[in-house]
Amino acid sequence: MTELTHLLVKRFEQVSEDSFNKGIDWYDQANEYAASIKDKYSLEQSASVISHLSPRTRWNKNKEAAAQVIAGDIHSTGLFSSCVNRAILALGTNDPLSTFNGKKTTSFVHNILGNHDYVTLDSWMLSITHPELTIKERNNFLKRSGKYDLISDCFRYAAKYVDLKPAQLQSILWVDIRGDHA
């Protein structure tokens, strides 16, 4: 077991029961939410909208903005215009998954759609795996060649060790580290 995988297992063993209970089904609940707002669109399209709007957005605001965009209200989301534009693009195609190019948002949409082998990594996850990094450094770290895949693999190994799916381990740790800030 690598040092990073061991760190993830140790961190998992320290999560509260509340974080475990909230995190274990987090992506199933996100899938249910995507289904509830899809209107005339497919589940892939509504999940894609949620994922495209997610960068630097708290979960409740993300859900609210996704519902607004799907309802056609694109002007009052208060989010980055580039994210809103990608969300609109996903609604206008029969292949919304083709509108992704970043690993975080690609992983996030697959997790929402029920593929729990992908691992969604963000600066919160890096605060666990690389606590020595500043917030600014975390924001750029995952863009370095091979880093996202390396950390994702460590999550997969750690998840197997604790008998969870990779996305479940990630969501449990995410809920625990974010606390009331989710």
N, C-alpha and C. Protein backbone atom coordinates (compact mmCIF):
# COMPACT_ATOMS: atom_id res chain seq x y z
N MET A 1 0.85 -1.18 0.00
CA MET A 1 0.00 0.00 0.00
C MET A 1 0.90 1.24 0.00
N THR A 2 0.62 2.15 -0.91
CA THR A 2 1.41 3.37 -0.97
C THR A 2 1.12 4.26 0.23
N GLU A 3 2.00 5.21 0.46
CA GLU A 3 1.83 6.13 1.58
C GLU A 3 0.53 6.92 1.43
N LEU A 4 0.22 7.35 0.21
CA LEU A 4 -1.00 8.12 -0.02
C LEU A 4 -2.25 7.25 0.19
N THR A 5 -2.21 6.03 -0.28
CA THR A 5 -3.34 5.12 -0.08
C THR A 5 -3.53 4.88 1.42
N HIS A 6 -2.44 4.67 2.14
CA HIS A 6 -2.51 4.47 3.58
C HIS A 6 -3.11 5.70 4.27
N LEU A 7 -2.71 6.89 3.83
CA LEU A 7 -3.25 8.13 4.37
C LEU A 7 -4.76 8.20 4.18
N LEU A 8 -5.24 7.81 3.01
CA LEU A 8 -6.68 7.83 2.74
C LEU A 8 -7.43 6.84 3.62
N VAL A 9 -6.87 5.66 3.80
CA VAL A 9 -7.50 4.67 4.68
C VAL A 9 -7.56 5.19 6.10
N LYS A 10 -6.45 5.76 6.59
CA LYS A 10 -6.43 6.32 7.95
C LYS A 10 -7.45 7.44 8.10
N ARG A 11 -7.52 8.30 7.09
CA ARG A 11 -8.48 9.43 7.15
C ARG A 11 -9.91 8.91 7.16
N PHE A 12 -10.17 7.86 6.37
CA PHE A 12 -11.51 7.25 6.36
C PHE A 12 -11.86 6.69 7.73
N GLU A 13 -10.91 6.07 8.36
CA GLU A 13 -11.16 5.46 9.68
C GLU A 13 -11.48 6.50 10.74
N GLN A 14 -11.19 7.78 10.47
CA GLN A 14 -11.44 8.86 11.43
C GLN A 14 -12.74 9.62 11.17
N VAL A 15 -13.46 9.31 10.09
CA VAL A 15 -14.67 10.08 9.79
C VAL A 15 -15.75 9.80 10.82
N SER A 16 -16.59 10.78 11.00
CA SER A 16 -17.69 10.62 11.94
C SER A 16 -18.77 9.74 11.32
N GLU A 17 -19.59 9.19 12.17
CA GLU A 17 -20.71 8.37 11.70
C GLU A 17 -21.65 9.21 10.84
N ASP A 18 -21.83 10.47 11.23
CA ASP A 18 -22.69 11.38 10.47
C ASP A 18 -22.14 11.60 9.06
N SER A 19 -20.84 11.83 8.95
CA SER A 19 -20.23 12.02 7.63
C SER A 19 -20.34 10.76 6.79
N PHE A 20 -20.12 9.62 7.41
CA PHE A 20 -20.26 8.35 6.68
C PHE A 20 -21.68 8.23 6.14
N ASN A 21 -22.67 8.46 6.99
CA ASN A 21 -24.07 8.29 6.57
C ASN A 21 -24.47 9.29 5.49
N LYS A 22 -23.98 10.51 5.56
CA LYS A 22 -24.29 11.50 4.55
C LYS A 22 -23.54 11.24 3.25
N GLY A 23 -22.32 10.73 3.36
CA GLY A 23 -21.48 10.56 2.19
C GLY A 23 -21.70 9.28 1.41
N ILE A 24 -22.11 8.21 2.07
CA ILE A 24 -22.18 6.91 1.42
C ILE A 24 -23.13 6.91 0.22
N ASP A 25 -24.22 7.64 0.31
CA ASP A 25 -25.21 7.68 -0.78
C ASP A 25 -25.26 9.04 -1.47
N TRP A 26 -24.23 9.85 -1.28
CA TRP A 26 -24.24 11.21 -1.80
C TRP A 26 -24.49 11.24 -3.31
N TYR A 27 -23.80 10.41 -4.06
CA TYR A 27 -23.97 10.42 -5.51
C TYR A 27 -25.32 9.84 -5.94
N ASP A 28 -25.85 8.89 -5.18
CA ASP A 28 -27.19 8.38 -5.49
C ASP A 28 -28.21 9.51 -5.32
N GLN A 29 -28.04 10.31 -4.29
CA GLN A 29 -28.94 11.45 -4.07
C GLN A 29 -28.76 12.51 -5.16
N ALA A 30 -27.51 12.71 -5.60
CA ALA A 30 -27.27 13.66 -6.70
C ALA A 30 -27.93 13.17 -7.98
N ASN A 31 -27.91 11.86 -8.20
CA ASN A 31 -28.58 11.27 -9.36
C ASN A 31 -30.09 11.50 -9.28
N GLU A 32 -30.65 11.30 -8.11
CA GLU A 32 -32.09 11.53 -7.91
C GLU A 32 -32.43 12.99 -8.17
N TYR A 33 -31.57 13.90 -7.72
CA TYR A 33 -31.82 15.32 -7.96
C TYR A 33 -31.75 15.62 -9.46
N ALA A 34 -30.75 15.09 -10.13
CA ALA A 34 -30.64 15.30 -11.58
C ALA A 34 -31.89 14.80 -12.30
N ALA A 35 -32.42 13.67 -11.87
CA ALA A 35 -33.64 13.13 -12.47
C ALA A 35 -34.84 14.02 -12.18
N SER A 36 -34.86 14.62 -11.01
CA SER A 36 -36.03 15.44 -10.62
C SER A 36 -36.10 16.77 -11.37
N ILE A 37 -35.00 17.26 -11.90
CA ILE A 37 -35.00 18.56 -12.58
C ILE A 37 -34.88 18.45 -14.09
N LYS A 38 -34.79 17.24 -14.63
CA LYS A 38 -34.43 17.09 -16.04
C LYS A 38 -35.48 17.61 -17.02
N ASP A 39 -36.72 17.72 -16.60
CA ASP A 39 -37.78 18.26 -17.45
C ASP A 39 -37.81 17.48 -18.77
N LYS A 40 -37.65 18.15 -19.89
CA LYS A 40 -37.72 17.50 -21.21
C LYS A 40 -36.37 16.93 -21.65
N TYR A 41 -35.36 17.06 -20.82
CA TYR A 41 -34.02 16.63 -21.17
C TYR A 41 -33.73 15.23 -20.61
N SER A 42 -32.65 14.64 -21.07
CA SER A 42 -32.25 13.33 -20.58
C SER A 42 -31.53 13.47 -19.24
N LEU A 43 -31.41 12.34 -18.55
CA LEU A 43 -30.66 12.33 -17.30
C LEU A 43 -29.21 12.72 -17.55
N GLU A 44 -28.63 12.26 -18.65
CA GLU A 44 -27.25 12.65 -18.98
C GLU A 44 -27.13 14.15 -19.16
N GLN A 45 -28.13 14.77 -19.77
CA GLN A 45 -28.09 16.21 -19.96
C GLN A 45 -28.20 16.96 -18.64
N SER A 46 -29.13 16.55 -17.77
CA SER A 46 -29.28 17.28 -16.50
C SER A 46 -28.06 17.05 -15.61
N ALA A 47 -27.51 15.83 -15.58
CA ALA A 47 -26.30 15.58 -14.80
C ALA A 47 -25.12 16.38 -15.35
N SER A 48 -25.07 16.53 -16.67
CA SER A 48 -24.01 17.32 -17.30
C SER A 48 -24.12 18.79 -16.91
N VAL A 49 -25.32 19.30 -16.86
CA VAL A 49 -25.51 20.68 -16.43
C VAL A 49 -25.00 20.86 -15.00
N ILE A 50 -25.38 19.96 -14.12
CA ILE A 50 -24.91 20.04 -12.73
C ILE A 50 -23.39 20.04 -12.68
N SER A 51 -22.78 19.13 -13.43
CA SER A 51 -21.32 19.02 -13.39
C SER A 51 -20.64 20.25 -13.98
N HIS A 52 -21.15 20.74 -15.11
CA HIS A 52 -20.54 21.92 -15.72
C HIS A 52 -20.62 23.15 -14.82
N LEU A 53 -21.65 23.23 -14.02
CA LEU A 53 -21.83 24.40 -13.14
C LEU A 53 -21.10 24.26 -11.80
N SER A 54 -20.48 23.11 -11.57
CA SER A 54 -19.93 22.82 -10.25
C SER A 54 -18.62 23.52 -9.86
N PRO A 55 -17.74 23.88 -10.79
CA PRO A 55 -16.47 24.48 -10.33
C PRO A 55 -16.67 25.69 -9.42
N ARG A 56 -16.05 25.59 -8.26
CA ARG A 56 -16.05 26.67 -7.26
C ARG A 56 -17.46 27.07 -6.80
N THR A 57 -18.36 26.08 -6.77
CA THR A 57 -19.75 26.36 -6.41
C THR A 57 -20.19 25.42 -5.30
N ARG A 58 -20.77 25.96 -4.26
CA ARG A 58 -21.32 25.13 -3.19
C ARG A 58 -22.47 24.29 -3.73
N TRP A 59 -22.68 23.13 -3.14
CA TRP A 59 -23.64 22.17 -3.66
C TRP A 59 -25.05 22.74 -3.75
N ASN A 60 -25.55 23.42 -2.74
CA ASN A 60 -26.92 23.96 -2.82
C ASN A 60 -27.05 24.99 -3.94
N LYS A 61 -26.06 25.84 -4.10
CA LYS A 61 -26.06 26.82 -5.20
C LYS A 61 -25.96 26.11 -6.54
N ASN A 62 -25.16 25.05 -6.61
CA ASN A 62 -25.02 24.26 -7.83
C ASN A 62 -26.37 23.69 -8.26
N LYS A 63 -27.09 23.11 -7.30
CA LYS A 63 -28.41 22.53 -7.62
C LYS A 63 -29.39 23.60 -8.08
N GLU A 64 -29.40 24.71 -7.37
CA GLU A 64 -30.31 25.81 -7.70
C GLU A 64 -30.02 26.35 -9.11
N ALA A 65 -28.75 26.56 -9.41
CA ALA A 65 -28.36 27.08 -10.72
C ALA A 65 -28.67 26.07 -11.83
N ALA A 66 -28.47 24.78 -11.57
CA ALA A 66 -28.78 23.76 -12.58
C ALA A 66 -30.27 23.76 -12.91
N ALA A 67 -31.10 23.86 -11.89
CA ALA A 67 -32.54 23.91 -12.12
C ALA A 67 -32.91 25.15 -12.93
N GLN A 68 -32.26 26.28 -12.64
CA GLN A 68 -32.52 27.51 -13.38
C GLN A 68 -32.13 27.36 -14.85
N VAL A 69 -30.94 26.83 -15.11
CA VAL A 69 -30.48 26.68 -16.49
C VAL A 69 -31.40 25.74 -17.26
N ILE A 70 -31.78 24.64 -16.66
CA ILE A 70 -32.67 23.69 -17.33
C ILE A 70 -34.03 24.33 -17.61
N ALA A 71 -34.46 25.23 -16.72
CA ALA A 71 -35.74 25.94 -16.92
C ALA A 71 -35.61 27.09 -17.91
N GLY A 72 -34.39 27.35 -18.38
CA GLY A 72 -34.17 28.40 -19.38
C GLY A 72 -33.74 29.73 -18.83
N ASP A 73 -33.56 29.82 -17.52
CA ASP A 73 -33.13 31.06 -16.88
C ASP A 73 -31.61 31.03 -16.73
N ILE A 74 -30.91 31.57 -17.72
CA ILE A 74 -29.45 31.51 -17.70
C ILE A 74 -28.80 32.79 -17.19
N HIS A 75 -29.58 33.80 -16.92
CA HIS A 75 -29.00 35.11 -16.59
C HIS A 75 -28.84 35.36 -15.10
N SER A 76 -29.53 34.60 -14.27
CA SER A 76 -29.48 34.91 -12.84
C SER A 76 -28.77 33.84 -12.01
N THR A 77 -27.94 33.03 -12.66
CA THR A 77 -27.27 31.97 -11.91
C THR A 77 -26.17 32.50 -11.02
N GLY A 78 -25.53 33.59 -11.40
CA GLY A 78 -24.43 34.14 -10.62
C GLY A 78 -23.15 33.31 -10.71
N LEU A 79 -23.06 32.44 -11.70
CA LEU A 79 -21.88 31.59 -11.86
C LEU A 79 -21.03 32.04 -13.03
N PHE A 80 -19.85 31.46 -13.16
CA PHE A 80 -18.96 31.79 -14.27
C PHE A 80 -19.68 31.59 -15.60
N SER A 81 -19.58 32.57 -16.49
CA SER A 81 -20.27 32.45 -17.78
C SER A 81 -19.75 31.27 -18.58
N SER A 82 -18.46 30.94 -18.46
CA SER A 82 -17.93 29.79 -19.20
C SER A 82 -18.59 28.50 -18.74
N CYS A 83 -18.88 28.38 -17.46
CA CYS A 83 -19.56 27.18 -16.94
C CYS A 83 -21.00 27.12 -17.43
N VAL A 84 -21.67 28.27 -17.40
CA VAL A 84 -23.06 28.33 -17.88
C VAL A 84 -23.11 27.99 -19.36
N ASN A 85 -22.15 28.50 -20.14
CA ASN A 85 -22.12 28.22 -21.58
C ASN A 85 -21.93 26.74 -21.87
N ARG A 86 -21.07 26.06 -21.09
CA ARG A 86 -20.88 24.61 -21.29
C ARG A 86 -22.14 23.85 -20.89
N ALA A 87 -22.82 24.32 -19.84
CA ALA A 87 -24.07 23.68 -19.43
C ALA A 87 -25.12 23.80 -20.53
N ILE A 88 -25.22 24.96 -21.14
CA ILE A 88 -26.17 25.17 -22.24
C ILE A 88 -25.80 24.28 -23.42
N LEU A 89 -24.52 24.17 -23.69
CA LEU A 89 -24.06 23.30 -24.77
C LEU A 89 -24.49 21.85 -24.52
N ALA A 90 -24.38 21.39 -23.29
CA ALA A 90 -24.78 20.02 -22.94
C ALA A 90 -26.27 19.79 -23.16
N LEU A 91 -27.07 20.83 -22.95
CA LEU A 91 -28.52 20.70 -23.18
C LEU A 91 -28.86 20.64 -24.67
N GLY A 92 -27.97 21.15 -25.50
CA GLY A 92 -28.26 21.24 -26.92
C GLY A 92 -27.73 20.10 -27.75
N THR A 93 -27.26 19.04 -27.11
CA THR A 93 -26.69 17.93 -27.86
C THR A 93 -27.25 16.60 -27.36
N ASN A 94 -27.26 15.62 -28.25
CA ASN A 94 -27.68 14.28 -27.85
C ASN A 94 -26.55 13.51 -27.17
N ASP A 95 -25.35 14.08 -27.18
CA ASP A 95 -24.19 13.47 -26.54
C ASP A 95 -23.56 14.46 -25.56
N PRO A 96 -24.26 14.73 -24.45
CA PRO A 96 -23.75 15.74 -23.51
C PRO A 96 -22.40 15.39 -22.90
N LEU A 97 -22.06 14.12 -22.83
CA LEU A 97 -20.77 13.74 -22.25
C LEU A 97 -19.61 14.19 -23.12
N SER A 98 -19.90 14.45 -24.41
CA SER A 98 -18.84 14.93 -25.30
C SER A 98 -18.49 16.40 -25.05
N THR A 99 -19.23 17.06 -24.17
CA THR A 99 -18.98 18.48 -23.90
C THR A 99 -17.96 18.68 -22.77
N PHE A 100 -17.41 17.60 -22.25
CA PHE A 100 -16.45 17.68 -21.15
C PHE A 100 -15.02 17.53 -21.64
N ASN A 101 -14.12 18.27 -20.99
CA ASN A 101 -12.70 18.08 -21.27
C ASN A 101 -11.86 18.07 -20.00
N GLY A 102 -12.39 18.50 -18.88
CA GLY A 102 -11.65 18.49 -17.63
C GLY A 102 -11.91 17.21 -16.84
N LYS A 103 -10.89 16.73 -16.15
CA LYS A 103 -11.02 15.46 -15.42
C LYS A 103 -11.98 15.56 -14.24
N LYS A 104 -11.99 16.69 -13.55
CA LYS A 104 -12.87 16.82 -12.38
C LYS A 104 -14.33 16.80 -12.80
N THR A 105 -14.70 17.62 -13.76
CA THR A 105 -16.11 17.67 -14.17
C THR A 105 -16.52 16.39 -14.90
N THR A 106 -15.59 15.78 -15.64
CA THR A 106 -15.89 14.51 -16.30
C THR A 106 -16.16 13.44 -15.25
N SER A 107 -15.31 13.37 -14.24
CA SER A 107 -15.52 12.39 -13.17
C SER A 107 -16.83 12.66 -12.44
N PHE A 108 -17.11 13.93 -12.17
CA PHE A 108 -18.31 14.30 -11.43
C PHE A 108 -19.57 13.88 -12.18
N VAL A 109 -19.65 14.12 -13.48
CA VAL A 109 -20.85 13.72 -14.21
C VAL A 109 -21.01 12.21 -14.21
N HIS A 110 -19.91 11.48 -14.36
CA HIS A 110 -20.00 10.02 -14.33
C HIS A 110 -20.44 9.53 -12.96
N ASN A 111 -19.94 10.16 -11.90
CA ASN A 111 -20.38 9.78 -10.54
C ASN A 111 -21.88 10.03 -10.37
N ILE A 112 -22.35 11.18 -10.82
CA ILE A 112 -23.78 11.49 -10.72
C ILE A 112 -24.61 10.47 -11.49
N LEU A 113 -24.10 10.03 -12.62
CA LEU A 113 -24.83 9.06 -13.45
C LEU A 113 -24.71 7.63 -12.93
N GLY A 114 -23.99 7.43 -11.84
CA GLY A 114 -23.95 6.12 -11.20
C GLY A 114 -22.69 5.31 -11.43
N ASN A 115 -21.71 5.87 -12.15
CA ASN A 115 -20.45 5.16 -12.33
C ASN A 115 -19.54 5.54 -11.16
N HIS A 116 -19.43 4.65 -10.20
CA HIS A 116 -18.70 4.94 -8.98
C HIS A 116 -17.22 4.56 -9.05
N ASP A 117 -16.75 4.21 -10.25
CA ASP A 117 -15.32 3.93 -10.42
C ASP A 117 -14.52 5.20 -10.67
N TYR A 118 -15.18 6.25 -11.15
CA TYR A 118 -14.51 7.55 -11.32
C TYR A 118 -14.33 8.18 -9.94
N VAL A 119 -13.32 9.04 -9.82
CA VAL A 119 -13.05 9.74 -8.57
C VAL A 119 -13.03 11.24 -8.85
N THR A 120 -13.92 11.96 -8.21
CA THR A 120 -13.99 13.41 -8.36
C THR A 120 -13.04 14.06 -7.36
N LEU A 121 -12.01 14.70 -7.89
CA LEU A 121 -11.01 15.34 -7.04
C LEU A 121 -11.10 16.85 -7.16
N ASP A 122 -11.05 17.52 -6.03
CA ASP A 122 -11.03 18.98 -6.02
C ASP A 122 -10.07 19.44 -4.94
N SER A 123 -10.04 20.73 -4.70
CA SER A 123 -9.08 21.25 -3.71
C SER A 123 -9.37 20.73 -2.31
N TRP A 124 -10.60 20.39 -2.02
CA TRP A 124 -10.93 19.81 -0.71
C TRP A 124 -10.28 18.45 -0.54
N MET A 125 -10.29 17.64 -1.60
CA MET A 125 -9.65 16.33 -1.53
C MET A 125 -8.13 16.49 -1.38
N LEU A 126 -7.59 17.50 -2.05
CA LEU A 126 -6.15 17.75 -1.92
C LEU A 126 -5.77 18.23 -0.53
N SER A 127 -6.70 18.83 0.19
CA SER A 127 -6.40 19.23 1.56
C SER A 127 -6.18 18.00 2.44
N ILE A 128 -6.68 16.85 2.00
CA ILE A 128 -6.43 15.59 2.69
C ILE A 128 -5.14 14.95 2.19
N THR A 129 -5.01 14.85 0.87
CA THR A 129 -3.88 14.12 0.30
C THR A 129 -2.58 14.92 0.30
N HIS A 130 -2.69 16.24 0.22
CA HIS A 130 -1.51 17.11 0.17
C HIS A 130 -1.73 18.35 1.04
N PRO A 131 -1.83 18.16 2.35
CA PRO A 131 -2.15 19.29 3.23
C PRO A 131 -1.08 20.38 3.25
N GLU A 132 0.11 20.07 2.76
CA GLU A 132 1.18 21.06 2.75
C GLU A 132 0.98 22.13 1.68
N LEU A 133 0.09 21.88 0.73
CA LEU A 133 -0.14 22.83 -0.36
C LEU A 133 -1.05 23.97 0.09
N THR A 134 -0.76 25.17 -0.38
CA THR A 134 -1.65 26.30 -0.14
C THR A 134 -2.88 26.14 -1.03
N ILE A 135 -3.90 26.91 -0.78
CA ILE A 135 -5.11 26.84 -1.61
C ILE A 135 -4.78 27.13 -3.06
N LYS A 136 -3.96 28.14 -3.31
CA LYS A 136 -3.57 28.48 -4.67
C LYS A 136 -2.82 27.32 -5.33
N GLU A 137 -1.92 26.69 -4.59
CA GLU A 137 -1.17 25.55 -5.13
C GLU A 137 -2.10 24.37 -5.42
N ARG A 138 -3.08 24.14 -4.54
CA ARG A 138 -4.04 23.04 -4.76
C ARG A 138 -4.81 23.24 -6.06
N ASN A 139 -5.17 24.48 -6.35
CA ASN A 139 -5.96 24.76 -7.54
C ASN A 139 -5.21 24.41 -8.83
N ASN A 140 -3.90 24.42 -8.79
CA ASN A 140 -3.10 24.10 -9.98
C ASN A 140 -2.50 22.69 -9.95
N PHE A 141 -2.46 22.09 -8.80
CA PHE A 141 -1.77 20.81 -8.63
C PHE A 141 -2.34 19.70 -9.52
N LEU A 142 -3.64 19.59 -9.56
CA LEU A 142 -4.27 18.50 -10.31
C LEU A 142 -4.12 18.65 -11.82
N LYS A 143 -3.72 19.83 -12.27
CA LYS A 143 -3.51 20.06 -13.70
C LYS A 143 -2.16 19.52 -14.17
N ARG A 144 -1.27 19.22 -13.22
CA ARG A 144 0.04 18.69 -13.58
C ARG A 144 -0.12 17.28 -14.16
N SER A 145 0.69 16.99 -15.11
CA SER A 145 0.62 15.71 -15.82
C SER A 145 0.66 14.52 -14.87
N GLY A 146 -0.36 13.70 -14.94
CA GLY A 146 -0.41 12.45 -14.20
C GLY A 146 -0.89 12.54 -12.77
N LYS A 147 -0.99 13.73 -12.20
CA LYS A 147 -1.35 13.86 -10.78
C LYS A 147 -2.79 13.40 -10.51
N TYR A 148 -3.72 13.82 -11.36
CA TYR A 148 -5.12 13.45 -11.15
C TYR A 148 -5.27 11.93 -11.17
N ASP A 149 -4.68 11.30 -12.18
CA ASP A 149 -4.79 9.85 -12.31
C ASP A 149 -4.11 9.12 -11.16
N LEU A 150 -2.96 9.61 -10.73
CA LEU A 150 -2.25 8.99 -9.62
C LEU A 150 -3.08 9.02 -8.34
N ILE A 151 -3.63 10.18 -8.01
CA ILE A 151 -4.43 10.31 -6.80
C ILE A 151 -5.72 9.50 -6.93
N SER A 152 -6.33 9.51 -8.10
CA SER A 152 -7.54 8.70 -8.33
C SER A 152 -7.25 7.23 -8.09
N ASP A 153 -6.12 6.75 -8.57
CA ASP A 153 -5.75 5.35 -8.36
C ASP A 153 -5.57 5.04 -6.88
N CYS A 154 -4.99 5.97 -6.14
CA CYS A 154 -4.83 5.77 -4.70
C CYS A 154 -6.20 5.68 -4.02
N PHE A 155 -7.15 6.50 -4.46
CA PHE A 155 -8.51 6.40 -3.94
C PHE A 155 -9.11 5.03 -4.26
N ARG A 156 -8.87 4.53 -5.47
CA ARG A 156 -9.41 3.22 -5.86
C ARG A 156 -8.84 2.12 -4.98
N TYR A 157 -7.55 2.14 -4.74
CA TYR A 157 -6.92 1.13 -3.88
C TYR A 157 -7.42 1.23 -2.45
N ALA A 158 -7.51 2.45 -1.94
CA ALA A 158 -8.00 2.65 -0.57
C ALA A 158 -9.45 2.21 -0.45
N ALA A 159 -10.26 2.51 -1.45
CA ALA A 159 -11.67 2.11 -1.42
C ALA A 159 -11.80 0.60 -1.39
N LYS A 160 -10.99 -0.05 -2.19
CA LYS A 160 -11.02 -1.52 -2.19
C LYS A 160 -10.64 -2.06 -0.82
N TYR A 161 -9.66 -1.46 -0.21
CA TYR A 161 -9.19 -1.89 1.10
C TYR A 161 -10.29 -1.76 2.16
N VAL A 162 -11.09 -0.70 2.10
CA VAL A 162 -12.15 -0.48 3.10
C VAL A 162 -13.51 -0.97 2.60
N ASP A 163 -13.52 -1.68 1.48
CA ASP A 163 -14.73 -2.31 0.93
C ASP A 163 -15.81 -1.29 0.54
N LEU A 164 -15.37 -0.26 -0.17
CA LEU A 164 -16.28 0.75 -0.71
C LEU A 164 -15.99 0.93 -2.19
N LYS A 165 -16.88 1.60 -2.86
CA LYS A 165 -16.61 2.03 -4.24
C LYS A 165 -15.78 3.31 -4.16
N PRO A 166 -14.93 3.55 -5.15
CA PRO A 166 -14.07 4.75 -5.10
C PRO A 166 -14.85 6.05 -4.88
N ALA A 167 -15.96 6.21 -5.57
CA ALA A 167 -16.73 7.45 -5.42
C ALA A 167 -17.35 7.56 -4.03
N GLN A 168 -17.67 6.42 -3.42
CA GLN A 168 -18.21 6.46 -2.06
C GLN A 168 -17.14 6.94 -1.07
N LEU A 169 -15.93 6.41 -1.21
CA LEU A 169 -14.86 6.86 -0.33
C LEU A 169 -14.63 8.36 -0.51
N GLN A 170 -14.58 8.80 -1.75
CA GLN A 170 -14.36 10.23 -2.03
C GLN A 170 -15.48 11.07 -1.44
N SER A 171 -16.73 10.67 -1.62
CA SER A 171 -17.85 11.49 -1.14
C SER A 171 -17.92 11.50 0.39
N ILE A 172 -17.59 10.39 1.02
CA ILE A 172 -17.57 10.35 2.48
C ILE A 172 -16.49 11.31 3.01
N LEU A 173 -15.31 11.25 2.42
CA LEU A 173 -14.23 12.15 2.85
C LEU A 173 -14.57 13.60 2.54
N TRP A 174 -15.21 13.83 1.39
CA TRP A 174 -15.59 15.19 1.00
C TRP A 174 -16.59 15.77 2.01
N VAL A 175 -17.60 14.98 2.35
CA VAL A 175 -18.60 15.44 3.33
C VAL A 175 -17.92 15.72 4.67
N ASP A 176 -17.01 14.85 5.07
CA ASP A 176 -16.35 15.01 6.36
C ASP A 176 -15.46 16.26 6.39
N ILE A 177 -14.70 16.48 5.35
CA ILE A 177 -13.78 17.62 5.34
C ILE A 177 -14.53 18.95 5.15
N ARG A 178 -15.60 18.91 4.38
CA ARG A 178 -16.37 20.14 4.13
C ARG A 178 -17.27 20.51 5.30
N GLY A 179 -17.78 19.51 5.97
CA GLY A 179 -18.68 19.79 7.09
C GLY A 179 -19.88 20.61 6.64
N ASP A 180 -20.12 21.70 7.32
CA ASP A 180 -21.26 22.56 7.00
C ASP A 180 -21.03 23.45 5.79
N HIS A 181 -19.86 23.36 5.19
CA HIS A 181 -19.54 24.20 4.03
C HIS A 181 -19.94 23.56 2.71
N ALA A 182 -20.49 22.36 2.73
CA ALA A 182 -20.83 21.64 1.50
C ALA A 182 -21.91 22.33 0.71
